[in-house]
Amino acid sequence: MFFPPIPLIRREHILEKLEAAKAVSPETAITFADAGVINPCSFRRITRVLVRRGTLGKTEDDRYYIR
């Protein structure tokens, strides 16, 4: 049985949307909703892992950017 790699698909979706929005520093960070991420409040664990691994940066007011 095949299961789609949801974490990888989600990761790529987030990175594509933040890159398109040019969110590459704390000053240009935006929310997932503003970036156009589908279901911005879903898959919180994937987001936490991306922040912990240093792929994404997170501001105090829950805006994100690509590191």
PDB file of N, CA and C in Angstrom:
ATOM      1  N   MET A   1       0.842  -1.166   0.000  1.00  0.00           N
ATOM      2  CA  MET A   1       0.000   0.000   0.000  1.00  0.00           C
ATOM      3  C   MET A   1       0.897   1.242   0.000  1.00  0.00           C
ATOM      4  N   PHE A   2       0.520   2.232  -0.773  1.00  0.00           N
ATOM      5  CA  PHE A   2       1.289   3.472  -0.900  1.00  0.00           C
ATOM      6  C   PHE A   2       0.634   4.589  -0.103  1.00  0.00           C
ATOM      7  N   PHE A   3       1.444   5.265   0.685  1.00  0.00           N
ATOM      8  CA  PHE A   3       0.981   6.443   1.415  1.00  0.00           C
ATOM      9  C   PHE A   3       1.758   7.646   0.912  1.00  0.00           C
ATOM     10  N   PRO A   4       1.083   8.713   0.525  1.00  0.00           N
ATOM     11  CA  PRO A   4       1.799   9.885   0.025  1.00  0.00           C
ATOM     12  C   PRO A   4       2.645  10.508   1.134  1.00  0.00           C
ATOM     13  N   PRO A   5       3.789  11.015   0.789  1.00  0.00           N
ATOM     14  CA  PRO A   5       4.684  11.634   1.783  1.00  0.00           C
ATOM     15  C   PRO A   5       4.197  13.019   2.187  1.00  0.00           C
ATOM     16  N   ILE A   6       3.158  13.060   2.998  1.00  0.00           N
ATOM     17  CA  ILE A   6       2.516  14.317   3.390  1.00  0.00           C
ATOM     18  C   ILE A   6       3.514  15.328   3.964  1.00  0.00           C
ATOM     19  N   PRO A   7       4.418  14.924   4.880  1.00  0.00           N
ATOM     20  CA  PRO A   7       5.354  15.925   5.413  1.00  0.00           C
ATOM     21  C   PRO A   7       6.219  16.574   4.326  1.00  0.00           C
ATOM     22  N   LEU A   8       6.652  15.811   3.352  1.00  0.00           N
ATOM     23  CA  LEU A   8       7.473  16.380   2.276  1.00  0.00           C
ATOM     24  C   LEU A   8       6.659  17.297   1.373  1.00  0.00           C
ATOM     25  N   ILE A   9       5.445  16.892   1.080  1.00  0.00           N
ATOM     26  CA  ILE A   9       4.576  17.732   0.250  1.00  0.00           C
ATOM     27  C   ILE A   9       4.283  19.042   0.972  1.00  0.00           C
ATOM     28  N   ARG A  10       3.982  18.960   2.247  1.00  0.00           N
ATOM     29  CA  ARG A  10       3.697  20.165   3.041  1.00  0.00           C
ATOM     30  C   ARG A  10       4.912  21.074   3.104  1.00  0.00           C
ATOM     31  N   ARG A  11       6.083  20.484   3.345  1.00  0.00           N
ATOM     32  CA  ARG A  11       7.332  21.256   3.423  1.00  0.00           C
ATOM     33  C   ARG A  11       7.552  22.033   2.126  1.00  0.00           C
ATOM     34  N   GLU A  12       7.432  21.365   0.995  1.00  0.00           N
ATOM     35  CA  GLU A  12       7.657  22.019  -0.291  1.00  0.00           C
ATOM     36  C   GLU A  12       6.623  23.107  -0.550  1.00  0.00           C
ATOM     37  N   HIS A  13       5.383  22.864  -0.174  1.00  0.00           N
ATOM     38  CA  HIS A  13       4.328  23.864  -0.357  1.00  0.00           C
ATOM     39  C   HIS A  13       4.644  25.134   0.445  1.00  0.00           C
ATOM     40  N   ILE A  14       5.026  24.946   1.699  1.00  0.00           N
ATOM     41  CA  ILE A  14       5.358  26.086   2.557  1.00  0.00           C
ATOM     42  C   ILE A  14       6.545  26.858   1.985  1.00  0.00           C
ATOM     43  N   LEU A  15       7.598  26.141   1.618  1.00  0.00           N
ATOM     44  CA  LEU A  15       8.795  26.812   1.100  1.00  0.00           C
ATOM     45  C   LEU A  15       8.512  27.554  -0.206  1.00  0.00           C
ATOM     46  N   GLU A  16       7.715  26.961  -1.085  1.00  0.00           N
ATOM     47  CA  GLU A  16       7.367  27.629  -2.344  1.00  0.00           C
ATOM     48  C   GLU A  16       6.594  28.922  -2.098  1.00  0.00           C
ATOM     49  N   LYS A  17       5.635  28.862  -1.194  1.00  0.00           N
ATOM     50  CA  LYS A  17       4.810  30.045  -0.920  1.00  0.00           C
ATOM     51  C   LYS A  17       5.629  31.155  -0.257  1.00  0.00           C
ATOM     52  N   LEU A  18       6.484  30.794   0.694  1.00  0.00           N
ATOM     53  CA  LEU A  18       7.315  31.816   1.350  1.00  0.00           C
ATOM     54  C   LEU A  18       8.335  32.402   0.382  1.00  0.00           C
ATOM     55  N   GLU A  19       8.885  31.572  -0.491  1.00  0.00           N
ATOM     56  CA  GLU A  19       9.841  32.074  -1.483  1.00  0.00           C
ATOM     57  C   GLU A  19       9.151  33.019  -2.458  1.00  0.00           C
ATOM     58  N   ALA A  20       7.962  32.660  -2.909  1.00  0.00           N
ATOM     59  CA  ALA A  20       7.212  33.527  -3.829  1.00  0.00           C
ATOM     60  C   ALA A  20       6.884  34.870  -3.183  1.00  0.00           C
ATOM     61  N   ALA A  21       6.676  34.856  -1.866  1.00  0.00           N
ATOM     62  CA  ALA A  21       6.360  36.091  -1.146  1.00  0.00           C
ATOM     63  C   ALA A  21       7.616  36.840  -0.713  1.00  0.00           C
ATOM     64  N   LYS A  22       8.779  36.283  -1.033  1.00  0.00           N
ATOM     65  CA  LYS A  22      10.076  36.888  -0.689  1.00  0.00           C
ATOM     66  C   LYS A  22      10.248  37.072   0.814  1.00  0.00           C
ATOM     67  N   ALA A  23       9.779  36.082   1.575  1.00  0.00           N
ATOM     68  CA  ALA A  23       9.929  36.090   3.034  1.00  0.00           C
ATOM     69  C   ALA A  23      11.235  35.379   3.376  1.00  0.00           C
ATOM     70  N   VAL A  24      12.322  36.153   3.384  1.00  0.00           N
ATOM     71  CA  VAL A  24      13.652  35.564   3.566  1.00  0.00           C
ATOM     72  C   VAL A  24      14.417  36.142   4.751  1.00  0.00           C
ATOM     73  N   SER A  25      13.751  36.942   5.553  1.00  0.00           N
ATOM     74  CA  SER A  25      14.404  37.519   6.727  1.00  0.00           C
ATOM     75  C   SER A  25      13.322  37.858   7.757  1.00  0.00           C
ATOM     76  N   PRO A  26      13.716  38.111   8.999  1.00  0.00           N
ATOM     77  CA  PRO A  26      12.710  38.486  10.002  1.00  0.00           C
ATOM     78  C   PRO A  26      11.927  39.744   9.608  1.00  0.00           C
ATOM     79  N   GLU A  27      12.556  40.636   8.889  1.00  0.00           N
ATOM     80  CA  GLU A  27      11.891  41.875   8.474  1.00  0.00           C
ATOM     81  C   GLU A  27      10.836  41.632   7.400  1.00  0.00           C
ATOM     82  N   THR A  28      11.032  40.616   6.567  1.00  0.00           N
ATOM     83  CA  THR A  28      10.088  40.332   5.488  1.00  0.00           C
ATOM     84  C   THR A  28       9.196  39.130   5.803  1.00  0.00           C
ATOM     85  N   ALA A  29       9.259  38.615   7.014  1.00  0.00           N
ATOM     86  CA  ALA A  29       8.472  37.444   7.413  1.00  0.00           C
ATOM     87  C   ALA A  29       6.977  37.740   7.319  1.00  0.00           C
ATOM     88  N   ILE A  30       6.203  36.711   6.960  1.00  0.00           N
ATOM     89  CA  ILE A  30       4.760  36.850   6.855  1.00  0.00           C
ATOM     90  C   ILE A  30       4.085  35.616   7.457  1.00  0.00           C
ATOM     91  N   THR A  31       2.795  35.733   7.679  1.00  0.00           N
ATOM     92  CA  THR A  31       2.043  34.582   8.185  1.00  0.00           C
ATOM     93  C   THR A  31       1.787  33.611   7.041  1.00  0.00           C
ATOM     94  N   PHE A  32       1.504  32.363   7.395  1.00  0.00           N
ATOM     95  CA  PHE A  32       1.183  31.377   6.369  1.00  0.00           C
ATOM     96  C   PHE A  32      -0.063  31.796   5.596  1.00  0.00           C
ATOM     97  N   ALA A  33      -1.039  32.367   6.280  1.00  0.00           N
ATOM     98  CA  ALA A  33      -2.271  32.799   5.609  1.00  0.00           C
ATOM     99  C   ALA A  33      -1.967  33.880   4.570  1.00  0.00           C
ATOM    100  N   ASP A  34      -1.117  34.838   4.936  1.00  0.00           N
ATOM    101  CA  ASP A  34      -0.750  35.898   3.995  1.00  0.00           C
ATOM    102  C   ASP A  34       0.061  35.363   2.823  1.00  0.00           C
ATOM    103  N   ALA A  35       0.818  34.296   3.047  1.00  0.00           N
ATOM    104  CA  ALA A  35       1.626  33.696   1.983  1.00  0.00           C
ATOM    105  C   ALA A  35       0.785  32.836   1.051  1.00  0.00           C
ATOM    106  N   GLY A  36      -0.425  32.486   1.467  1.00  0.00           N
ATOM    107  CA  GLY A  36      -1.282  31.656   0.638  1.00  0.00           C
ATOM    108  C   GLY A  36      -1.114  30.168   0.872  1.00  0.00           C
ATOM    109  N   VAL A  37      -0.573  29.798   2.032  1.00  0.00           N
ATOM    110  CA  VAL A  37      -0.408  28.392   2.366  1.00  0.00           C
ATOM    111  C   VAL A  37      -1.788  27.784   2.621  1.00  0.00           C
ATOM    112  N   ILE A  38      -2.048  26.648   1.994  1.00  0.00           N
ATOM    113  CA  ILE A  38      -3.327  25.953   2.170  1.00  0.00           C
ATOM    114  C   ILE A  38      -3.431  25.450   3.599  1.00  0.00           C
ATOM    115  N   ASN A  39      -4.566  25.653   4.232  1.00  0.00           N
ATOM    116  CA  ASN A  39      -4.808  25.245   5.624  1.00  0.00           C
ATOM    117  C   ASN A  39      -3.666  25.709   6.534  1.00  0.00           C
ATOM    118  N   PRO A  40      -3.513  26.998   6.710  1.00  0.00           N
ATOM    119  CA  PRO A  40      -2.360  27.531   7.440  1.00  0.00           C
ATOM    120  C   PRO A  40      -2.232  27.067   8.881  1.00  0.00           C
ATOM    121  N   CYS A  41      -3.320  26.651   9.500  1.00  0.00           N
ATOM    122  CA  CYS A  41      -3.257  26.211  10.901  1.00  0.00           C
ATOM    123  C   CYS A  41      -3.106  24.697  11.041  1.00  0.00           C
ATOM    124  N   SER A  42      -3.077  23.987   9.941  1.00  0.00           N
ATOM    125  CA  SER A  42      -2.942  22.535   9.974  1.00  0.00           C
ATOM    126  C   SER A  42      -1.474  22.121   9.982  1.00  0.00           C
ATOM    127  N   PHE A  43      -1.234  20.895  10.337  1.00  0.00           N
ATOM    128  CA  PHE A  43       0.107  20.308  10.291  1.00  0.00           C
ATOM    129  C   PHE A  43       1.111  21.091  11.129  1.00  0.00           C
ATOM    130  N   ARG A  44       0.733  21.426  12.336  1.00  0.00           N
ATOM    131  CA  ARG A  44       1.599  22.220  13.214  1.00  0.00           C
ATOM    132  C   ARG A  44       2.907  21.519  13.527  1.00  0.00           C
ATOM    133  N   ARG A  45       2.865  20.191  13.631  1.00  0.00           N
ATOM    134  CA  ARG A  45       4.096  19.454  13.947  1.00  0.00           C
ATOM    135  C   ARG A  45       5.133  19.621  12.839  1.00  0.00           C
ATOM    136  N   ILE A  46       4.706  19.587  11.597  1.00  0.00           N
ATOM    137  CA  ILE A  46       5.633  19.770  10.481  1.00  0.00           C
ATOM    138  C   ILE A  46       6.271  21.149  10.565  1.00  0.00           C
ATOM    139  N   THR A  47       5.482  22.147  10.889  1.00  0.00           N
ATOM    140  CA  THR A  47       6.017  23.504  11.025  1.00  0.00           C
ATOM    141  C   THR A  47       7.040  23.575  12.155  1.00  0.00           C
ATOM    142  N   ARG A  48       6.732  22.965  13.305  1.00  0.00           N
ATOM    143  CA  ARG A  48       7.681  22.960  14.431  1.00  0.00           C
ATOM    144  C   ARG A  48       8.991  22.282  14.060  1.00  0.00           C
ATOM    145  N   VAL A  49       8.918  21.199  13.318  1.00  0.00           N
ATOM    146  CA  VAL A  49      10.134  20.489  12.890  1.00  0.00           C
ATOM    147  C   VAL A  49      10.956  21.369  11.953  1.00  0.00           C
ATOM    148  N   LEU A  50      10.307  22.060  11.026  1.00  0.00           N
ATOM    149  CA  LEU A  50      11.026  22.938  10.100  1.00  0.00           C
ATOM    150  C   LEU A  50      11.727  24.074  10.839  1.00  0.00           C
ATOM    151  N   VAL A  51      11.082  24.607  11.859  1.00  0.00           N
ATOM    152  CA  VAL A  51      11.692  25.678  12.660  1.00  0.00           C
ATOM    153  C   VAL A  51      12.855  25.109  13.472  1.00  0.00           C
ATOM    154  N   ARG A  52      12.646  23.968  14.102  1.00  0.00           N
ATOM    155  CA  ARG A  52      13.693  23.363  14.929  1.00  0.00           C
ATOM    156  C   ARG A  52      14.928  22.989  14.109  1.00  0.00           C
ATOM    157  N   ARG A  53      14.733  22.525  12.895  1.00  0.00           N
ATOM    158  CA  ARG A  53      15.860  22.143  12.033  1.00  0.00           C
ATOM    159  C   ARG A  53      16.533  23.339  11.371  1.00  0.00           C
ATOM    160  N   GLY A  54      15.928  24.508  11.495  1.00  0.00           N
ATOM    161  CA  GLY A  54      16.535  25.707  10.937  1.00  0.00           C
ATOM    162  C   GLY A  54      16.150  25.992   9.496  1.00  0.00           C
ATOM    163  N   THR A  55      15.208  25.258   8.963  1.00  0.00           N
ATOM    164  CA  THR A  55      14.746  25.515   7.599  1.00  0.00           C
ATOM    165  C   THR A  55      13.924  26.795   7.545  1.00  0.00           C
ATOM    166  N   LEU A  56      13.102  26.990   8.569  1.00  0.00           N
ATOM    167  CA  LEU A  56      12.286  28.198   8.689  1.00  0.00           C
ATOM    168  C   LEU A  56      12.682  28.972   9.928  1.00  0.00           C
ATOM    169  N   GLY A  57      12.538  30.267   9.842  1.00  0.00           N
ATOM    170  CA  GLY A  57      12.666  31.113  11.015  1.00  0.00           C
ATOM    171  C   GLY A  57      11.275  31.554  11.434  1.00  0.00           C
ATOM    172  N   LYS A  58      11.100  31.799  12.723  1.00  0.00           N
ATOM    173  CA  LYS A  58       9.800  32.219  13.235  1.00  0.00           C
ATOM    174  C   LYS A  58       9.987  33.453  14.103  1.00  0.00           C
ATOM    175  N   THR A  59       9.136  34.440  13.893  1.00  0.00           N
ATOM    176  CA  THR A  59       9.186  35.650  14.707  1.00  0.00           C
ATOM    177  C   THR A  59       8.287  35.469  15.930  1.00  0.00           C
ATOM    178  N   GLU A  60       8.381  36.394  16.860  1.00  0.00           N
ATOM    179  CA  GLU A  60       7.577  36.315  18.080  1.00  0.00           C
ATOM    180  C   GLU A  60       6.081  36.441  17.809  1.00  0.00           C
ATOM    181  N   ASP A  61       5.726  37.083  16.717  1.00  0.00           N
ATOM    182  CA  ASP A  61       4.305  37.251  16.391  1.00  0.00           C
ATOM    183  C   ASP A  61       3.828  36.232  15.344  1.00  0.00           C
ATOM    184  N   ASP A  62       4.458  35.062  15.328  1.00  0.00           N
ATOM    185  CA  ASP A  62       4.059  33.932  14.480  1.00  0.00           C
ATOM    186  C   ASP A  62       4.086  34.217  12.977  1.00  0.00           C
ATOM    187  N   ARG A  63       5.088  34.929  12.557  1.00  0.00           N
ATOM    188  CA  ARG A  63       5.340  35.086  11.133  1.00  0.00           C
ATOM    189  C   ARG A  63       6.550  34.233  10.799  1.00  0.00           C
ATOM    190  N   TYR A  64       6.634  33.770   9.564  1.00  0.00           N
ATOM    191  CA  TYR A  64       7.684  32.827   9.171  1.00  0.00           C
ATOM    192  C   TYR A  64       8.484  33.356   7.990  1.00  0.00           C
ATOM    193  N   TYR A  65       9.710  32.865   7.883  1.00  0.00           N
ATOM    194  CA  TYR A  65      10.580  33.211   6.772  1.00  0.00           C
ATOM    195  C   TYR A  65      11.540  32.062   6.504  1.00  0.00           C
ATOM    196  N   ILE A  66      12.091  32.031   5.304  1.00  0.00           N
ATOM    197  CA  ILE A  66      13.060  31.001   4.921  1.00  0.00           C
ATOM    198  C   ILE A  66      14.430  31.409   5.438  1.00  0.00           C
ATOM    199  N   ARG A  67      15.106  30.484   6.069  1.00  0.00           N
ATOM    200  CA  ARG A  67      16.457  30.766   6.577  1.00  0.00           C
ATOM    201  C   ARG A  67      17.484  30.427   5.549  1.00  0.00           C
TER     202      ARG A  67
END
